[in-house]
Amino acid sequence: MADLIINGLISTKPLSSGTVDAAQIQKLKQTAQEFEAVLLRQMMREMRNSVFSEAGKGGSNATYLSMADEQLANSMAAQGGFGFGKAMAQQMIQQVQAAQLINSAANAVKP
């Protein structure tokens, strides 16, 4: 992926002509962050299950551990996590901008 960016095959900058309103950008970023939190939560659950195969199952302890994992995942995603959310948000913003450029009457070819 880095080779494609270096070679210029993938743009790291958003398109300049297509405009996306601030509310839509914020919604895309929030959705991507929430999705990253879900991924992190699942990853932590699987790690915990592999480490505590029998000891961590059942009882109220498992409930508290699950709640702690959820809070930790949400906190990690809010602070950038592994960067999945940011990359997804940027990609979605570029797709929206490209769709707006394609559907724009001003950019249409006129006979």
C-alpha atoms as a PDB file:
ATOM      1  CA  MET A   1       0.000   0.000   0.000  1.00  0.00           C
ATOM      2  CA  ALA A   2       2.818   2.401   0.891  1.00  0.00           C
ATOM      3  CA  ASP A   3       4.431   1.691  -2.495  1.00  0.00           C
ATOM      4  CA  LEU A   4       1.220   2.703  -4.253  1.00  0.00           C
ATOM      5  CA  ILE A   5       1.066   5.979  -2.330  1.00  0.00           C
ATOM      6  CA  ILE A   6       4.737   6.713  -3.008  1.00  0.00           C
ATOM      7  CA  ASN A   7       4.296   5.988  -6.712  1.00  0.00           C
ATOM      8  CA  GLY A   8       1.306   8.327  -6.820  1.00  0.00           C
ATOM      9  CA  LEU A   9      -1.243   5.686  -7.743  1.00  0.00           C
ATOM     10  CA  ILE A  10      -3.300   6.452  -4.651  1.00  0.00           C
ATOM     11  CA  SER A  11      -3.916  10.040  -3.627  1.00  0.00           C
ATOM     12  CA  THR A  12      -3.469  10.874   0.036  1.00  0.00           C
ATOM     13  CA  LYS A  13      -5.180  14.235  -0.399  1.00  0.00           C
ATOM     14  CA  PRO A  14      -8.933  14.686  -0.761  1.00  0.00           C
ATOM     15  CA  LEU A  15     -10.310  15.827  -4.086  1.00  0.00           C
ATOM     16  CA  SER A  16     -10.499  19.597  -4.256  1.00  0.00           C
ATOM     17  CA  SER A  17     -13.528  20.157  -6.506  1.00  0.00           C
ATOM     18  CA  GLY A  18     -16.076  17.991  -4.720  1.00  0.00           C
ATOM     19  CA  THR A  19     -17.452  19.538  -1.595  1.00  0.00           C
ATOM     20  CA  VAL A  20     -18.682  17.638   1.410  1.00  0.00           C
ATOM     21  CA  ASP A  21     -20.440  19.575   4.137  1.00  0.00           C
ATOM     22  CA  ALA A  22     -19.005  19.610   7.651  1.00  0.00           C
ATOM     23  CA  ALA A  23     -21.914  17.661   9.147  1.00  0.00           C
ATOM     24  CA  GLN A  24     -21.423  14.841   6.653  1.00  0.00           C
ATOM     25  CA  ILE A  25     -17.669  14.745   7.318  1.00  0.00           C
ATOM     26  CA  GLN A  26     -18.274  14.624  11.071  1.00  0.00           C
ATOM     27  CA  LYS A  27     -20.798  11.808  10.662  1.00  0.00           C
ATOM     28  CA  LEU A  28     -18.360   9.812   8.510  1.00  0.00           C
ATOM     29  CA  LYS A  29     -15.564  10.279  11.034  1.00  0.00           C
ATOM     30  CA  GLN A  30     -17.824   9.305  13.947  1.00  0.00           C
ATOM     31  CA  THR A  31     -19.045   6.190  12.143  1.00  0.00           C
ATOM     32  CA  ALA A  32     -15.504   5.138  11.267  1.00  0.00           C
ATOM     33  CA  GLN A  33     -14.396   5.678  14.872  1.00  0.00           C
ATOM     34  CA  GLU A  34     -17.297   3.573  16.156  1.00  0.00           C
ATOM     35  CA  PHE A  35     -16.445   0.819  13.681  1.00  0.00           C
ATOM     36  CA  GLU A  36     -12.823   0.865  14.826  1.00  0.00           C
ATOM     37  CA  ALA A  37     -14.027   0.551  18.441  1.00  0.00           C
ATOM     38  CA  VAL A  38     -16.024  -2.536  17.477  1.00  0.00           C
ATOM     39  CA  LEU A  39     -12.955  -4.068  15.817  1.00  0.00           C
ATOM     40  CA  LEU A  40     -10.767  -3.300  18.831  1.00  0.00           C
ATOM     41  CA  ARG A  41     -13.399  -4.705  21.208  1.00  0.00           C
ATOM     42  CA  GLN A  42     -13.607  -7.957  19.253  1.00  0.00           C
ATOM     43  CA  MET A  43      -9.834  -8.207  19.117  1.00  0.00           C
ATOM     44  CA  MET A  44      -9.524  -7.719  22.881  1.00  0.00           C
ATOM     45  CA  ARG A  45     -12.310 -10.244  23.532  1.00  0.00           C
ATOM     46  CA  GLU A  46     -10.521 -12.857  21.442  1.00  0.00           C
ATOM     47  CA  MET A  47      -7.196 -12.145  23.157  1.00  0.00           C
ATOM     48  CA  ARG A  48      -8.822 -12.425  26.573  1.00  0.00           C
ATOM     49  CA  ASN A  49     -10.559 -15.673  25.595  1.00  0.00           C
ATOM     50  CA  SER A  50      -7.295 -17.194  24.420  1.00  0.00           C
ATOM     51  CA  VAL A  51      -5.419 -16.166  27.579  1.00  0.00           C
ATOM     52  CA  PHE A  52      -8.134 -16.995  30.084  1.00  0.00           C
ATOM     53  CA  SER A  53      -9.643 -19.996  28.337  1.00  0.00           C
ATOM     54  CA  GLU A  54     -11.471 -21.477  31.325  1.00  0.00           C
ATOM     55  CA  ALA A  55     -10.750 -19.096  34.202  1.00  0.00           C
ATOM     56  CA  GLY A  56     -12.412 -16.059  32.615  1.00  0.00           C
ATOM     57  CA  LYS A  57     -15.688 -17.700  31.636  1.00  0.00           C
ATOM     58  CA  GLY A  58     -18.878 -17.298  33.602  1.00  0.00           C
ATOM     59  CA  GLY A  59     -19.780 -15.305  36.662  1.00  0.00           C
ATOM     60  CA  SER A  60     -19.850 -11.599  37.230  1.00  0.00           C
ATOM     61  CA  ASN A  61     -16.115 -11.350  36.587  1.00  0.00           C
ATOM     62  CA  ALA A  62     -16.663 -12.004  32.889  1.00  0.00           C
ATOM     63  CA  THR A  63     -19.284  -9.248  32.767  1.00  0.00           C
ATOM     64  CA  TYR A  64     -16.930  -6.713  34.333  1.00  0.00           C
ATOM     65  CA  LEU A  65     -14.086  -7.756  32.060  1.00  0.00           C
ATOM     66  CA  SER A  66     -16.369  -7.324  29.036  1.00  0.00           C
ATOM     67  CA  MET A  67     -17.398  -3.854  30.216  1.00  0.00           C
ATOM     68  CA  ALA A  68     -13.754  -2.928  30.810  1.00  0.00           C
ATOM     69  CA  ASP A  69     -12.851  -4.141  27.309  1.00  0.00           C
ATOM     70  CA  GLU A  70     -15.668  -2.054  25.830  1.00  0.00           C
ATOM     71  CA  GLN A  71     -14.548   1.109  27.622  1.00  0.00           C
ATOM     72  CA  LEU A  72     -10.911   0.512  26.707  1.00  0.00           C
ATOM     73  CA  ALA A  73     -11.807  -0.087  23.042  1.00  0.00           C
ATOM     74  CA  ASN A  74     -13.931   3.087  22.911  1.00  0.00           C
ATOM     75  CA  SER A  75     -11.145   5.088  24.534  1.00  0.00           C
ATOM     76  CA  MET A  76      -8.503   3.683  22.193  1.00  0.00           C
ATOM     77  CA  ALA A  77     -10.645   4.404  19.123  1.00  0.00           C
ATOM     78  CA  ALA A  78     -11.331   7.972  20.316  1.00  0.00           C
ATOM     79  CA  GLN A  79      -7.574   8.580  20.588  1.00  0.00           C
ATOM     80  CA  GLY A  80      -6.820   7.182  17.149  1.00  0.00           C
ATOM     81  CA  GLY A  81      -6.517   3.475  17.966  1.00  0.00           C
ATOM     82  CA  PHE A  82      -4.569   1.720  15.259  1.00  0.00           C
ATOM     83  CA  GLY A  83      -5.574   4.223  12.599  1.00  0.00           C
ATOM     84  CA  PHE A  84      -8.281   2.070  10.987  1.00  0.00           C
ATOM     85  CA  GLY A  85     -10.978   4.638  11.692  1.00  0.00           C
ATOM     86  CA  LYS A  86      -9.001   7.553  10.304  1.00  0.00           C
ATOM     87  CA  ALA A  87      -8.094   5.646   7.138  1.00  0.00           C
ATOM     88  CA  MET A  88     -11.695   4.501   6.625  1.00  0.00           C
ATOM     89  CA  ALA A  89     -13.058   8.014   7.175  1.00  0.00           C
ATOM     90  CA  GLN A  90     -10.614   9.485   4.660  1.00  0.00           C
ATOM     91  CA  GLN A  91     -11.513   6.827   2.099  1.00  0.00           C
ATOM     92  CA  MET A  92     -15.252   7.398   2.591  1.00  0.00           C
ATOM     93  CA  ILE A  93     -14.834  11.183   2.271  1.00  0.00           C
ATOM     94  CA  GLN A  94     -12.923  10.714  -0.987  1.00  0.00           C
ATOM     95  CA  GLN A  95     -15.645   8.396  -2.300  1.00  0.00           C
ATOM     96  CA  VAL A  96     -18.360  10.936  -1.465  1.00  0.00           C
ATOM     97  CA  GLN A  97     -16.370  13.692  -3.142  1.00  0.00           C
ATOM     98  CA  ALA A  98     -15.824  11.555  -6.240  1.00  0.00           C
ATOM     99  CA  ALA A  99     -19.531  10.723  -6.403  1.00  0.00           C
ATOM    100  CA  GLN A 100     -20.389  14.409  -6.175  1.00  0.00           C
ATOM    101  CA  LEU A 101     -17.974  15.199  -8.996  1.00  0.00           C
ATOM    102  CA  ILE A 102     -19.429  12.458 -11.176  1.00  0.00           C
ATOM    103  CA  ASN A 103     -23.022  13.518 -10.517  1.00  0.00           C
ATOM    104  CA  SER A 104     -22.334  17.245 -10.900  1.00  0.00           C
ATOM    105  CA  ALA A 105     -24.102  18.932 -13.810  1.00  0.00           C
ATOM    106  CA  ALA A 106     -21.276  21.469 -14.063  1.00  0.00           C
ATOM    107  CA  ASN A 107     -18.791  18.676 -14.813  1.00  0.00           C
ATOM    108  CA  ALA A 108     -21.007  16.967 -17.383  1.00  0.00           C
ATOM    109  CA  VAL A 109     -19.824  16.850 -20.977  1.00  0.00           C
ATOM    110  CA  LYS A 110     -22.008  19.078 -23.093  1.00  0.00           C
ATOM    111  CA  PRO A 111     -22.548  18.466 -26.810  1.00  0.00           C
END
